[in-house]
């Protein structure tokens, strides 16, 4: 074990990335939007739309992006672009092609600029959201499922991708059907919904009751979200099914960002001990995970004793934000002592 400890300390500089690993999660910093043409003016306009989508995903707030600080970031979107390309996709009428621009932005620069601008930053650590969605389309009633192939399910996934929200739809297999019916979701019987949700082990449960209100396409939705015992309810209206779903997903992302996004503060340090670190693979997994959390700017190894590693973390946000994100994740489990920052590495 002494030999392992020595090797661990020697390799720590090589294994710990200097920047948060979340910057490597490219999907957070990508967007694909319609483009009017391939010329410079049309490209720059599309890049601005793409950057706005990415900023809304990173802040979790449209209002933050529309603020004066957000507007300044949108003035020159090209300075954040790492790569882009044009794609031609089938249009909705299936008779023509829609020109699209795909862009990937520099996540490290964006996170730094958001912090400097005093805007919230929501990193890669996000809660899993299980969605029970009941739709009444003028008498045609159904629950959305992972395998049902409904158009509304695709709309939900697209909205979730734009908002950076990890969502899961139920399988609606025999087990789900025995546990929950359409009328349970429609009636808001949350005890039954929670019981049926246990097999998925979600961190957040979102239920939606969507109803067409007019033959012209108007829709009304009632939403309810539960996050670690906190429950919110709200309604939304839109002129299409896709728009009302998008409104519900966006509102959900904004509520969760208020809880999990971090605001930059004066840099501070926080010591943290992790046990059950049995080998170099465990060490690499822990160090890379800690470095990926948005409040963490740098990690240093203080000591290694048996299967325990003590880290010193340089933070750019309040340490409560860090604890919240660690609790949200499933890699580290806090010990019974509430006063100690000591965690157990889960397998």
Foldseek 3Di string as FASTA:
>chain_A
DVVQFVVCQVCVVVLFDLFAPLQVVQLLFKDKDFFPDDDPVRVLVQLLVGRLLSVCLFQLDNVLCVDPLNVVCSPGSVVFWPDKDWDWDQDPVNPDTTIMMMTTGRPVVVLVSCQVSQGWGFTLLAFEEEEWEWEQEPNDIDTDAPPPPDPLVVLLVVLCSSNVHHYHYHHPDPLLVVQDDSCCLQVVVVVSVVVSCVVVVGQKYKYKYKYQDDPQQKIKIWMWMAGPNDIDIDIDIDRHSSVRSSVVSSVVSNVRSVVQIFHFDPKDKDKAKEFPQQHPVSVSVVSSVLSNRSQFSGKDWDGDDHRMTMIMTIGRGDVVSVVVSVVSDDQWAADPDPVHRYTYGDD
